[in-house]
Amino acid sequence: MRKIFLSLTFILQVLLASAQAQIAYEDMVGTEELYETLQYLADDMAEGRATGSKGKLSAEQFIRERFRKYGLKPFEWNYTQSFRVQDTLTGRNVIGVVPANIMTDEYLVIGAHYDHLGILGGNTYNGADDNASGVTAMLDLARIFARMRSDGKGPAKNLIFVAYDCKELDLKGSDYFVRHLPFPSSKVICAINLDMLGTTLVPVHRNRPDYLIVLGEDTLPSQMQGVIRRSNAGTRFGMDIDYTFYGSKAFTDMIYRTGDHYSFRSKRIPSLLFTSAFHDHTYKPTDTVDIIDFEMLQKRTALIFDIIYRYTLL
């Protein structure tokens, strides 16, 4: 009996230590880092990040250097994955890997598109929310998981971080990536897409700016369903999460089919979209840094870290 008690005590101590370590890494998400990254990607010098533009190439280089700085490994020996879009246009995904700290052949893909509309009619479409906000969250997640890996604390699954090009050109970047996986698609336990995470302009419920929309949970294996609710439970997050698009089945289906996660779902890979939804500034020159709520972007990023961490343990 004493041995059983000691064993249970040890297990509880391990779980408590794991939970404390998880919270410590969540707390690494900071508004200063988020602001610095988003400000760069949505600056006028990025020229709206249209595929093939000098500004988009500058954003590509910025993301690549961040992956290198954080210690992510190149994907198939290179951080850049080039593909032909048209005869005179080349797309370029930027990819970094945080290997699991234990032997596994399973992967999670965490992605966000970094292209936008560019300069149209003399106006620069900076795309601060669409989708500098998603790329900013993705880069901070990469930074923290890479730190966790260097500390020997995880992750328990291989994590692939992807900045997709050509979302605005029929999802060509994510489609190319998933069609050229160097391992069976069945080894991807989940693809997570971060697209427009930075505003509090269209809350799901009135007076609840701490909201988040998550689409696609029903595509996950049964053991992964419910993880988002468990991560969100309690006072640490307690966000207003909607698993539909404002209660509309038609809009839920339409929105789910128009993002980079759908390139994975088309290959029967479980796929999620995290978003704070489109708004009056979407696809307009007014989508600038001043509409971003950095405290809420921080909270959403920390919650998504918690969710991904829990997925890696399953």
C-alpha atoms as a PDB file:
ATOM      1  CA  MET A   1       0.000   0.000   0.000  1.00  0.00           C
ATOM      2  CA  ARG A   2       2.849   2.339   0.898  1.00  0.00           C
ATOM      3  CA  LYS A   3       4.462   1.680  -2.525  1.00  0.00           C
ATOM      4  CA  ILE A   4       1.222   2.540  -4.311  1.00  0.00           C
ATOM      5  CA  PHE A   5       0.928   5.763  -2.290  1.00  0.00           C
ATOM      6  CA  LEU A   6       4.517   6.736  -3.092  1.00  0.00           C
ATOM      7  CA  SER A   7       3.963   5.992  -6.792  1.00  0.00           C
ATOM      8  CA  LEU A   8       0.831   8.152  -6.894  1.00  0.00           C
ATOM      9  CA  THR A   9       2.649  10.933  -5.068  1.00  0.00           C
ATOM     10  CA  PHE A  10       5.480  10.794  -7.590  1.00  0.00           C
ATOM     11  CA  ILE A  11       3.064  10.937 -10.522  1.00  0.00           C
ATOM     12  CA  LEU A  12       1.277  13.943  -9.010  1.00  0.00           C
ATOM     13  CA  GLN A  13       4.603  15.704  -8.460  1.00  0.00           C
ATOM     14  CA  VAL A  14       5.584  15.102 -12.083  1.00  0.00           C
ATOM     15  CA  LEU A  15       2.224  16.415 -13.347  1.00  0.00           C
ATOM     16  CA  LEU A  16       2.461  19.475 -11.098  1.00  0.00           C
ATOM     17  CA  ALA A  17       6.013  20.214 -12.263  1.00  0.00           C
ATOM     18  CA  SER A  18       4.910  19.821 -15.896  1.00  0.00           C
ATOM     19  CA  ALA A  19       1.989  22.211 -15.376  1.00  0.00           C
ATOM     20  CA  GLN A  20       4.222  24.782 -13.685  1.00  0.00           C
ATOM     21  CA  ALA A  21       6.762  24.577 -16.517  1.00  0.00           C
ATOM     22  CA  GLN A  22       3.963  24.977 -19.070  1.00  0.00           C
ATOM     23  CA  ILE A  23       2.695  28.144 -17.372  1.00  0.00           C
ATOM     24  CA  ALA A  24       6.240  29.524 -17.204  1.00  0.00           C
ATOM     25  CA  TYR A  25       6.603  29.203 -20.980  1.00  0.00           C
ATOM     26  CA  GLU A  26       3.137  30.666 -21.586  1.00  0.00           C
ATOM     27  CA  ASP A  27       4.240  33.697 -19.601  1.00  0.00           C
ATOM     28  CA  MET A  28       7.024  34.265 -22.150  1.00  0.00           C
ATOM     29  CA  VAL A  29       4.424  35.623 -24.581  1.00  0.00           C
ATOM     30  CA  GLY A  30       4.889  39.381 -24.304  1.00  0.00           C
ATOM     31  CA  THR A  31       3.264  42.408 -25.905  1.00  0.00           C
ATOM     32  CA  GLU A  32       6.638  44.061 -26.587  1.00  0.00           C
ATOM     33  CA  GLU A  33       7.831  41.196 -28.816  1.00  0.00           C
ATOM     34  CA  LEU A  34       4.452  41.028 -30.536  1.00  0.00           C
ATOM     35  CA  TYR A  35       4.422  44.761 -31.211  1.00  0.00           C
ATOM     36  CA  GLU A  36       7.946  44.787 -32.635  1.00  0.00           C
ATOM     37  CA  THR A  37       7.190  41.959 -35.063  1.00  0.00           C
ATOM     38  CA  LEU A  38       3.790  43.201 -36.186  1.00  0.00           C
ATOM     39  CA  GLN A  39       5.017  46.766 -36.612  1.00  0.00           C
ATOM     40  CA  TYR A  40       7.742  45.561 -38.983  1.00  0.00           C
ATOM     41  CA  LEU A  41       5.470  43.346 -41.076  1.00  0.00           C
ATOM     42  CA  ALA A  42       2.741  45.987 -41.386  1.00  0.00           C
ATOM     43  CA  ASP A  43       5.030  48.950 -42.029  1.00  0.00           C
ATOM     44  CA  ASP A  44       4.671  50.918 -45.273  1.00  0.00           C
ATOM     45  CA  MET A  45       8.142  49.706 -46.259  1.00  0.00           C
ATOM     46  CA  ALA A  46       6.690  46.185 -46.587  1.00  0.00           C
ATOM     47  CA  GLU A  47       4.497  47.569 -49.395  1.00  0.00           C
ATOM     48  CA  GLY A  48       1.512  45.437 -48.424  1.00  0.00           C
ATOM     49  CA  ARG A  49       3.476  42.177 -48.919  1.00  0.00           C
ATOM     50  CA  ALA A  50       2.026  41.242 -52.303  1.00  0.00           C
ATOM     51  CA  THR A  51       3.517  38.048 -53.729  1.00  0.00           C
ATOM     52  CA  GLY A  52       6.540  38.886 -55.869  1.00  0.00           C
ATOM     53  CA  SER A  53       6.983  42.402 -54.492  1.00  0.00           C
ATOM     54  CA  LYS A  54      10.132  43.747 -52.861  1.00  0.00           C
ATOM     55  CA  GLY A  55       8.188  44.352 -49.674  1.00  0.00           C
ATOM     56  CA  LYS A  56       7.060  40.736 -49.491  1.00  0.00           C
ATOM     57  CA  LEU A  57      10.643  39.571 -50.046  1.00  0.00           C
ATOM     58  CA  SER A  58      11.698  41.802 -47.156  1.00  0.00           C
ATOM     59  CA  ALA A  59       9.034  40.199 -44.943  1.00  0.00           C
ATOM     60  CA  GLU A  60      10.209  36.772 -46.080  1.00  0.00           C
ATOM     61  CA  GLN A  61      13.783  37.588 -45.078  1.00  0.00           C
ATOM     62  CA  PHE A  62      12.584  38.915 -41.711  1.00  0.00           C
ATOM     63  CA  ILE A  63      10.693  35.680 -40.949  1.00  0.00           C
ATOM     64  CA  ARG A  64      13.593  33.517 -42.104  1.00  0.00           C
ATOM     65  CA  GLU A  65      16.027  35.400 -39.880  1.00  0.00           C
ATOM     66  CA  ARG A  66      13.680  35.058 -36.914  1.00  0.00           C
ATOM     67  CA  PHE A  67      13.538  31.291 -37.407  1.00  0.00           C
ATOM     68  CA  ARG A  68      17.324  31.199 -37.538  1.00  0.00           C
ATOM     69  CA  LYS A  69      17.689  33.472 -34.499  1.00  0.00           C
ATOM     70  CA  TYR A  70      15.280  31.369 -32.441  1.00  0.00           C
ATOM     71  CA  GLY A  71      17.147  28.168 -33.310  1.00  0.00           C
ATOM     72  CA  LEU A  72      14.569  26.467 -35.519  1.00  0.00           C
ATOM     73  CA  LYS A  73      15.920  23.881 -37.946  1.00  0.00           C
ATOM     74  CA  PRO A  74      15.527  24.343 -41.716  1.00  0.00           C
ATOM     75  CA  PHE A  75      12.863  22.240 -43.400  1.00  0.00           C
ATOM     76  CA  GLU A  76      14.511  19.824 -45.831  1.00  0.00           C
ATOM     77  CA  TRP A  77      17.814  21.732 -45.529  1.00  0.00           C
ATOM     78  CA  ASN A  78      16.286  25.106 -46.352  1.00  0.00           C
ATOM     79  CA  TYR A  79      14.095  27.693 -44.656  1.00  0.00           C
ATOM     80  CA  THR A  80      12.583  28.694 -48.001  1.00  0.00           C
ATOM     81  CA  GLN A  81      10.322  26.576 -50.207  1.00  0.00           C
ATOM     82  CA  SER A  82       9.892  28.070 -53.678  1.00  0.00           C
ATOM     83  CA  PHE A  83       7.152  27.193 -56.149  1.00  0.00           C
ATOM     84  CA  ARG A  84       5.905  28.518 -59.457  1.00  0.00           C
ATOM     85  CA  VAL A  85       2.623  30.439 -59.349  1.00  0.00           C
ATOM     86  CA  GLN A  86       2.591  31.811 -62.885  1.00  0.00           C
ATOM     87  CA  ASP A  87       5.151  31.949 -65.683  1.00  0.00           C
ATOM     88  CA  THR A  88       6.620  35.151 -64.249  1.00  0.00           C
ATOM     89  CA  LEU A  89       5.708  34.777 -60.569  1.00  0.00           C
ATOM     90  CA  THR A  90       7.289  32.616 -57.866  1.00  0.00           C
ATOM     91  CA  GLY A  91       5.837  31.998 -54.405  1.00  0.00           C
ATOM     92  CA  ARG A  92       8.014  31.334 -51.370  1.00  0.00           C
ATOM     93  CA  ASN A  93       6.908  29.646 -48.154  1.00  0.00           C
ATOM     94  CA  VAL A  94       9.186  30.120 -45.126  1.00  0.00           C
ATOM     95  CA  ILE A  95       9.483  27.039 -42.901  1.00  0.00           C
ATOM     96  CA  GLY A  96      11.234  26.215 -39.631  1.00  0.00           C
ATOM     97  CA  VAL A  97      11.143  23.102 -37.463  1.00  0.00           C
ATOM     98  CA  VAL A  98      11.288  22.537 -33.723  1.00  0.00           C
ATOM     99  CA  PRO A  99      12.104  18.816 -33.401  1.00  0.00           C
ATOM    100  CA  ALA A 100      10.530  16.824 -30.600  1.00  0.00           C
ATOM    101  CA  ASN A 101      12.776  16.156 -27.640  1.00  0.00           C
ATOM    102  CA  ILE A 102      11.846  12.467 -27.843  1.00  0.00           C
ATOM    103  CA  MET A 103      11.817  10.112 -30.821  1.00  0.00           C
ATOM    104  CA  THR A 104       8.553  10.429 -32.746  1.00  0.00           C
ATOM    105  CA  ASP A 105       7.382  10.471 -36.348  1.00  0.00           C
ATOM    106  CA  GLU A 106       4.335  12.647 -35.616  1.00  0.00           C
ATOM    107  CA  TYR A 107       3.999  16.336 -36.487  1.00  0.00           C
ATOM    108  CA  LEU A 108       1.910  19.387 -35.793  1.00  0.00           C
ATOM    109  CA  VAL A 109       1.938  22.155 -38.401  1.00  0.00           C
ATOM    110  CA  ILE A 110       1.397  25.712 -37.163  1.00  0.00           C
ATOM    111  CA  GLY A 111       0.996  28.173 -40.019  1.00  0.00           C
ATOM    112  CA  ALA A 112      -0.030  31.695 -40.996  1.00  0.00           C
ATOM    113  CA  HIS A 113       0.004  33.397 -44.385  1.00  0.00           C
ATOM    114  CA  TYR A 114       2.284  36.418 -44.691  1.00  0.00           C
ATOM    115  CA  ASP A 115       1.257  37.710 -48.122  1.00  0.00           C
ATOM    116  CA  HIS A 116      -1.359  40.421 -48.580  1.00  0.00           C
ATOM    117  CA  LEU A 117      -2.696  42.708 -51.325  1.00  0.00           C
ATOM    118  CA  GLY A 118       0.231  45.072 -51.848  1.00  0.00           C
ATOM    119  CA  ILE A 119      -0.279  48.546 -53.307  1.00  0.00           C
ATOM    120  CA  LEU A 120      -3.503  49.130 -55.243  1.00  0.00           C
ATOM    121  CA  GLY A 121      -4.613  52.418 -56.752  1.00  0.00           C
ATOM    122  CA  GLY A 122      -1.804  54.211 -54.952  1.00  0.00           C
ATOM    123  CA  ASN A 123      -2.940  52.920 -51.547  1.00  0.00           C
ATOM    124  CA  THR A 124      -0.832  50.583 -49.419  1.00  0.00           C
ATOM    125  CA  TYR A 125      -2.791  47.678 -47.975  1.00  0.00           C
ATOM    126  CA  ASN A 126      -0.643  47.011 -44.892  1.00  0.00           C
ATOM    127  CA  GLY A 127      -2.650  44.020 -43.669  1.00  0.00           C
ATOM    128  CA  ALA A 128      -1.820  44.511 -39.985  1.00  0.00           C
ATOM    129  CA  ASP A 129      -4.577  42.150 -38.890  1.00  0.00           C
ATOM    130  CA  ASP A 130      -4.691  40.249 -42.204  1.00  0.00           C
ATOM    131  CA  ASN A 131      -2.351  38.641 -41.569  1.00  0.00           C
ATOM    132  CA  ALA A 132       0.613  40.252 -39.868  1.00  0.00           C
ATOM    133  CA  SER A 133      -1.206  39.415 -36.615  1.00  0.00           C
ATOM    134  CA  GLY A 134      -1.298  35.682 -37.373  1.00  0.00           C
ATOM    135  CA  VAL A 135       2.356  35.633 -38.464  1.00  0.00           C
ATOM    136  CA  THR A 136       3.320  37.551 -35.331  1.00  0.00           C
ATOM    137  CA  ALA A 137       1.583  34.978 -33.109  1.00  0.00           C
ATOM    138  CA  MET A 138       3.135  32.121 -35.100  1.00  0.00           C
ATOM    139  CA  LEU A 139       6.654  33.546 -34.723  1.00  0.00           C
ATOM    140  CA  ASP A 140       6.240  34.011 -30.984  1.00  0.00           C
ATOM    141  CA  LEU A 141       5.008  30.434 -30.624  1.00  0.00           C
ATOM    142  CA  ALA A 142       8.065  29.298 -32.591  1.00  0.00           C
ATOM    143  CA  ARG A 143      10.322  31.332 -30.296  1.00  0.00           C
ATOM    144  CA  ILE A 144       8.851  29.848 -27.128  1.00  0.00           C
ATOM    145  CA  PHE A 145       8.724  26.229 -28.284  1.00  0.00           C
ATOM    146  CA  ALA A 146      12.317  26.523 -29.535  1.00  0.00           C
ATOM    147  CA  ARG A 147      13.308  27.801 -26.091  1.00  0.00           C
ATOM    148  CA  MET A 148      11.468  24.879 -24.515  1.00  0.00           C
ATOM    149  CA  ARG A 149      13.376  22.512 -26.799  1.00  0.00           C
ATOM    150  CA  SER A 150      16.729  24.055 -25.896  1.00  0.00           C
ATOM    151  CA  ASP A 151      15.824  23.717 -22.199  1.00  0.00           C
ATOM    152  CA  GLY A 152      15.088  20.008 -22.701  1.00  0.00           C
ATOM    153  CA  LYS A 153      11.449  20.454 -21.605  1.00  0.00           C
ATOM    154  CA  GLY A 154       9.695  19.489 -24.837  1.00  0.00           C
ATOM    155  CA  PRO A 155       7.895  19.432 -27.158  1.00  0.00           C
ATOM    156  CA  ALA A 156       6.766  15.804 -27.338  1.00  0.00           C
ATOM    157  CA  LYS A 157       5.867  16.083 -31.051  1.00  0.00           C
ATOM    158  CA  ASN A 158       7.736  17.623 -33.996  1.00  0.00           C
ATOM    159  CA  LEU A 159       6.474  21.149 -34.687  1.00  0.00           C
ATOM    160  CA  ILE A 160       6.642  22.671 -38.164  1.00  0.00           C
ATOM    161  CA  PHE A 161       6.111  26.442 -38.364  1.00  0.00           C
ATOM    162  CA  VAL A 162       5.131  27.773 -41.792  1.00  0.00           C
ATOM    163  CA  ALA A 163       4.658  31.285 -43.138  1.00  0.00           C
ATOM    164  CA  TYR A 164       2.599  30.645 -46.262  1.00  0.00           C
ATOM    165  CA  ASP A 165       2.847  32.723 -49.400  1.00  0.00           C
ATOM    166  CA  CYS A 166       0.008  33.091 -51.927  1.00  0.00           C
ATOM    167  CA  LYS A 167      -2.971  32.728 -49.646  1.00  0.00           C
ATOM    168  CA  GLU A 168      -4.454  35.585 -51.627  1.00  0.00           C
ATOM    169  CA  LEU A 169      -3.796  33.566 -54.806  1.00  0.00           C
ATOM    170  CA  ASP A 170      -6.107  30.597 -54.203  1.00  0.00           C
ATOM    171  CA  LEU A 171      -4.155  29.144 -51.239  1.00  0.00           C
ATOM    172  CA  LYS A 172      -1.321  28.133 -53.538  1.00  0.00           C
ATOM    173  CA  GLY A 173       1.344  28.287 -50.825  1.00  0.00           C
ATOM    174  CA  SER A 174      -0.339  25.960 -48.350  1.00  0.00           C
ATOM    175  CA  ASP A 175      -1.511  23.694 -51.180  1.00  0.00           C
ATOM    176  CA  TYR A 176       2.058  23.322 -52.443  1.00  0.00           C
ATOM    177  CA  PHE A 177       3.369  22.667 -48.940  1.00  0.00           C
ATOM    178  CA  VAL A 178       0.912  19.903 -48.146  1.00  0.00           C
ATOM    179  CA  ARG A 179       1.328  18.248 -51.559  1.00  0.00           C
ATOM    180  CA  HIS A 180       5.114  18.086 -51.073  1.00  0.00           C
ATOM    181  CA  LEU A 181       5.336  16.750 -47.536  1.00  0.00           C
ATOM    182  CA  PRO A 182       8.467  14.571 -47.176  1.00  0.00           C
ATOM    183  CA  PHE A 183       6.526  12.117 -44.981  1.00  0.00           C
ATOM    184  CA  PRO A 184       3.026  10.554 -45.138  1.00  0.00           C
ATOM    185  CA  SER A 185       0.244  13.049 -44.500  1.00  0.00           C
ATOM    186  CA  SER A 186      -1.143  10.648 -41.885  1.00  0.00           C
ATOM    187  CA  LYS A 187       1.787  11.651 -39.663  1.00  0.00           C
ATOM    188  CA  VAL A 188       0.376  15.183 -39.302  1.00  0.00           C
ATOM    189  CA  ILE A 189      -1.879  14.920 -36.265  1.00  0.00           C
ATOM    190  CA  CYS A 190      -3.144  18.477 -36.687  1.00  0.00           C
ATOM    191  CA  ALA A 191      -2.648  21.553 -38.881  1.00  0.00           C
ATOM    192  CA  ILE A 192      -3.309  24.853 -37.123  1.00  0.00           C
ATOM    193  CA  ASN A 193      -3.927  28.041 -39.071  1.00  0.00           C
ATOM    194  CA  LEU A 194      -3.630  31.481 -37.465  1.00  0.00           C
ATOM    195  CA  ASP A 195      -5.427  34.055 -39.588  1.00  0.00           C
ATOM    196  CA  MET A 196      -6.448  37.493 -38.275  1.00  0.00           C
ATOM    197  CA  LEU A 197      -5.969  37.313 -34.523  1.00  0.00           C
ATOM    198  CA  GLY A 198      -5.378  40.908 -33.565  1.00  0.00           C
ATOM    199  CA  THR A 199      -8.643  42.800 -33.100  1.00  0.00           C
ATOM    200  CA  THR A 200     -11.587  43.034 -30.725  1.00  0.00           C
ATOM    201  CA  LEU A 201     -13.836  44.760 -33.238  1.00  0.00           C
ATOM    202  CA  VAL A 202     -16.486  42.072 -33.778  1.00  0.00           C
ATOM    203  CA  PRO A 203     -17.023  40.227 -30.473  1.00  0.00           C
ATOM    204  CA  VAL A 204     -19.133  37.100 -30.503  1.00  0.00           C
ATOM    205  CA  HIS A 205     -21.132  38.402 -27.547  1.00  0.00           C
ATOM    206  CA  ARG A 206     -21.604  42.031 -26.565  1.00  0.00           C
ATOM    207  CA  ASN A 207     -19.176  43.340 -23.939  1.00  0.00           C
ATOM    208  CA  ARG A 208     -16.866  40.330 -24.342  1.00  0.00           C
ATOM    209  CA  PRO A 209     -13.777  41.579 -26.200  1.00  0.00           C
ATOM    210  CA  ASP A 210     -11.839  38.525 -24.960  1.00  0.00           C
ATOM    211  CA  TYR A 211     -13.235  36.307 -27.693  1.00  0.00           C
ATOM    212  CA  LEU A 212     -11.759  33.764 -30.080  1.00  0.00           C
ATOM    213  CA  ILE A 213     -13.321  31.832 -32.956  1.00  0.00           C
ATOM    214  CA  VAL A 214     -12.118  28.261 -33.510  1.00  0.00           C
ATOM    215  CA  LEU A 215     -13.336  26.309 -36.521  1.00  0.00           C
ATOM    216  CA  GLY A 216     -12.675  22.664 -37.341  1.00  0.00           C
ATOM    217  CA  GLU A 217     -12.527  20.986 -33.934  1.00  0.00           C
ATOM    218  CA  ASP A 218     -14.887  18.304 -35.245  1.00  0.00           C
ATOM    219  CA  THR A 219     -12.151  17.236 -37.714  1.00  0.00           C
ATOM    220  CA  LEU A 220      -9.830  16.223 -34.849  1.00  0.00           C
ATOM    221  CA  PRO A 221      -9.411  12.683 -33.518  1.00  0.00           C
ATOM    222  CA  SER A 222     -11.620  11.983 -30.513  1.00  0.00           C
ATOM    223  CA  GLN A 223      -8.729  12.173 -28.029  1.00  0.00           C
ATOM    224  CA  MET A 224      -7.951  15.726 -29.177  1.00  0.00           C
ATOM    225  CA  GLN A 225     -11.510  17.036 -28.996  1.00  0.00           C
ATOM    226  CA  GLY A 226     -12.206  18.937 -25.810  1.00  0.00           C
ATOM    227  CA  VAL A 227      -8.586  20.032 -25.330  1.00  0.00           C
ATOM    228  CA  ILE A 228      -9.429  23.619 -26.269  1.00  0.00           C
ATOM    229  CA  ARG A 229     -12.169  23.744 -23.635  1.00  0.00           C
ATOM    230  CA  ARG A 230      -9.845  22.317 -21.003  1.00  0.00           C
ATOM    231  CA  SER A 231      -7.103  24.798 -21.876  1.00  0.00           C
ATOM    232  CA  ASN A 232      -9.579  27.662 -21.666  1.00  0.00           C
ATOM    233  CA  ALA A 233     -11.191  26.569 -18.399  1.00  0.00           C
ATOM    234  CA  GLY A 234     -10.619  28.512 -15.197  1.00  0.00           C
ATOM    235  CA  THR A 235      -9.462  32.028 -14.493  1.00  0.00           C
ATOM    236  CA  ARG A 236      -6.143  31.925 -16.392  1.00  0.00           C
ATOM    237  CA  PHE A 237      -7.841  32.339 -19.772  1.00  0.00           C
ATOM    238  CA  GLY A 238     -11.621  31.999 -19.598  1.00  0.00           C
ATOM    239  CA  MET A 239     -12.072  33.457 -23.063  1.00  0.00           C
ATOM    240  CA  ASP A 240     -15.360  33.644 -24.951  1.00  0.00           C
ATOM    241  CA  ILE A 241     -14.777  30.891 -27.525  1.00  0.00           C
ATOM    242  CA  ASP A 242     -17.156  30.283 -30.411  1.00  0.00           C
ATOM    243  CA  TYR A 243     -16.818  27.038 -32.382  1.00  0.00           C
ATOM    244  CA  THR A 244     -18.969  28.427 -35.194  1.00  0.00           C
ATOM    245  CA  PHE A 245     -18.838  31.634 -37.189  1.00  0.00           C
ATOM    246  CA  TYR A 246     -21.343  33.657 -35.172  1.00  0.00           C
ATOM    247  CA  GLY A 247     -23.779  30.755 -35.052  1.00  0.00           C
ATOM    248  CA  SER A 248     -24.240  30.482 -38.811  1.00  0.00           C
ATOM    249  CA  LYS A 249     -23.651  27.048 -40.330  1.00  0.00           C
ATOM    250  CA  ALA A 250     -23.461  28.494 -43.854  1.00  0.00           C
ATOM    251  CA  PHE A 251     -20.845  31.092 -42.885  1.00  0.00           C
ATOM    252  CA  THR A 252     -18.958  28.549 -40.766  1.00  0.00           C
ATOM    253  CA  ASP A 253     -18.628  26.240 -43.776  1.00  0.00           C
ATOM    254  CA  MET A 254     -17.722  29.099 -46.138  1.00  0.00           C
ATOM    255  CA  ILE A 255     -15.065  30.610 -43.852  1.00  0.00           C
ATOM    256  CA  TYR A 256     -13.564  27.212 -43.092  1.00  0.00           C
ATOM    257  CA  ARG A 257     -13.141  26.468 -46.803  1.00  0.00           C
ATOM    258  CA  THR A 258     -11.344  29.726 -47.635  1.00  0.00           C
ATOM    259  CA  GLY A 259      -8.246  29.511 -45.399  1.00  0.00           C
ATOM    260  CA  ASP A 260      -4.879  27.761 -45.607  1.00  0.00           C
ATOM    261  CA  HIS A 261      -5.993  25.084 -43.141  1.00  0.00           C
ATOM    262  CA  TYR A 262      -8.364  23.818 -45.834  1.00  0.00           C
ATOM    263  CA  SER A 263      -5.438  22.726 -48.014  1.00  0.00           C
ATOM    264  CA  PHE A 264      -4.695  20.221 -45.242  1.00  0.00           C
ATOM    265  CA  ARG A 265      -8.298  19.245 -44.660  1.00  0.00           C
ATOM    266  CA  SER A 266      -8.610  18.466 -48.380  1.00  0.00           C
ATOM    267  CA  LYS A 267      -5.956  15.789 -47.727  1.00  0.00           C
ATOM    268  CA  ARG A 268      -7.981  14.478 -44.742  1.00  0.00           C
ATOM    269  CA  ILE A 269      -5.617  16.024 -42.205  1.00  0.00           C
ATOM    270  CA  PRO A 270      -7.314  17.316 -39.022  1.00  0.00           C
ATOM    271  CA  SER A 271      -7.254  21.109 -39.318  1.00  0.00           C
ATOM    272  CA  LEU A 272      -8.131  24.094 -37.143  1.00  0.00           C
ATOM    273  CA  LEU A 273      -8.599  27.794 -37.789  1.00  0.00           C
ATOM    274  CA  PHE A 274      -8.041  30.315 -34.981  1.00  0.00           C
ATOM    275  CA  THR A 275      -9.302  33.818 -35.775  1.00  0.00           C
ATOM    276  CA  SER A 276     -10.857  36.966 -34.355  1.00  0.00           C
ATOM    277  CA  ALA A 277     -12.778  37.325 -37.638  1.00  0.00           C
ATOM    278  CA  PHE A 278     -12.938  39.871 -40.429  1.00  0.00           C
ATOM    279  CA  HIS A 279     -14.242  43.381 -39.816  1.00  0.00           C
ATOM    280  CA  ASP A 280     -14.808  46.772 -41.453  1.00  0.00           C
ATOM    281  CA  HIS A 281     -11.057  47.216 -42.111  1.00  0.00           C
ATOM    282  CA  THR A 282     -10.496  43.837 -43.788  1.00  0.00           C
ATOM    283  CA  TYR A 283      -9.031  44.218 -47.313  1.00  0.00           C
ATOM    284  CA  LYS A 284      -8.889  47.995 -46.853  1.00  0.00           C
ATOM    285  CA  PRO A 285      -5.988  50.453 -46.465  1.00  0.00           C
ATOM    286  CA  THR A 286      -7.240  51.101 -42.905  1.00  0.00           C
ATOM    287  CA  ASP A 287      -6.048  47.654 -41.744  1.00  0.00           C
ATOM    288  CA  THR A 288      -3.114  49.219 -39.897  1.00  0.00           C
ATOM    289  CA  VAL A 289      -1.336  48.686 -36.580  1.00  0.00           C
ATOM    290  CA  ASP A 290      -3.584  51.119 -34.694  1.00  0.00           C
ATOM    291  CA  ILE A 291      -6.560  48.697 -34.883  1.00  0.00           C
ATOM    292  CA  ILE A 292      -4.599  45.896 -33.151  1.00  0.00           C
ATOM    293  CA  ASP A 293      -5.330  45.064 -29.507  1.00  0.00           C
ATOM    294  CA  PHE A 294      -1.924  43.786 -28.389  1.00  0.00           C
ATOM    295  CA  GLU A 295      -3.061  42.664 -24.946  1.00  0.00           C
ATOM    296  CA  MET A 296      -5.710  40.462 -26.529  1.00  0.00           C
ATOM    297  CA  LEU A 297      -3.251  39.202 -29.153  1.00  0.00           C
ATOM    298  CA  GLN A 298      -0.966  38.234 -26.269  1.00  0.00           C
ATOM    299  CA  LYS A 299      -3.753  36.395 -24.450  1.00  0.00           C
ATOM    300  CA  ARG A 300      -4.853  34.532 -27.575  1.00  0.00           C
ATOM    301  CA  THR A 301      -1.267  33.542 -28.383  1.00  0.00           C
ATOM    302  CA  ALA A 302      -0.714  32.229 -24.838  1.00  0.00           C
ATOM    303  CA  LEU A 303      -3.923  30.196 -25.016  1.00  0.00           C
ATOM    304  CA  ILE A 304      -2.928  28.726 -28.372  1.00  0.00           C
ATOM    305  CA  PHE A 305       0.457  27.808 -26.871  1.00  0.00           C
ATOM    306  CA  ASP A 306      -1.355  25.957 -24.083  1.00  0.00           C
ATOM    307  CA  ILE A 307      -3.525  24.105 -26.606  1.00  0.00           C
ATOM    308  CA  ILE A 308      -0.587  23.086 -28.809  1.00  0.00           C
ATOM    309  CA  TYR A 309       1.407  21.951 -25.773  1.00  0.00           C
ATOM    310  CA  ARG A 310      -1.468  19.717 -24.663  1.00  0.00           C
ATOM    311  CA  TYR A 311      -1.808  18.286 -28.179  1.00  0.00           C
ATOM    312  CA  THR A 312       1.856  17.282 -28.161  1.00  0.00           C
ATOM    313  CA  LEU A 313       1.286  15.188 -25.041  1.00  0.00           C
ATOM    314  CA  LEU A 314      -1.504  13.055 -26.564  1.00  0.00           C
END
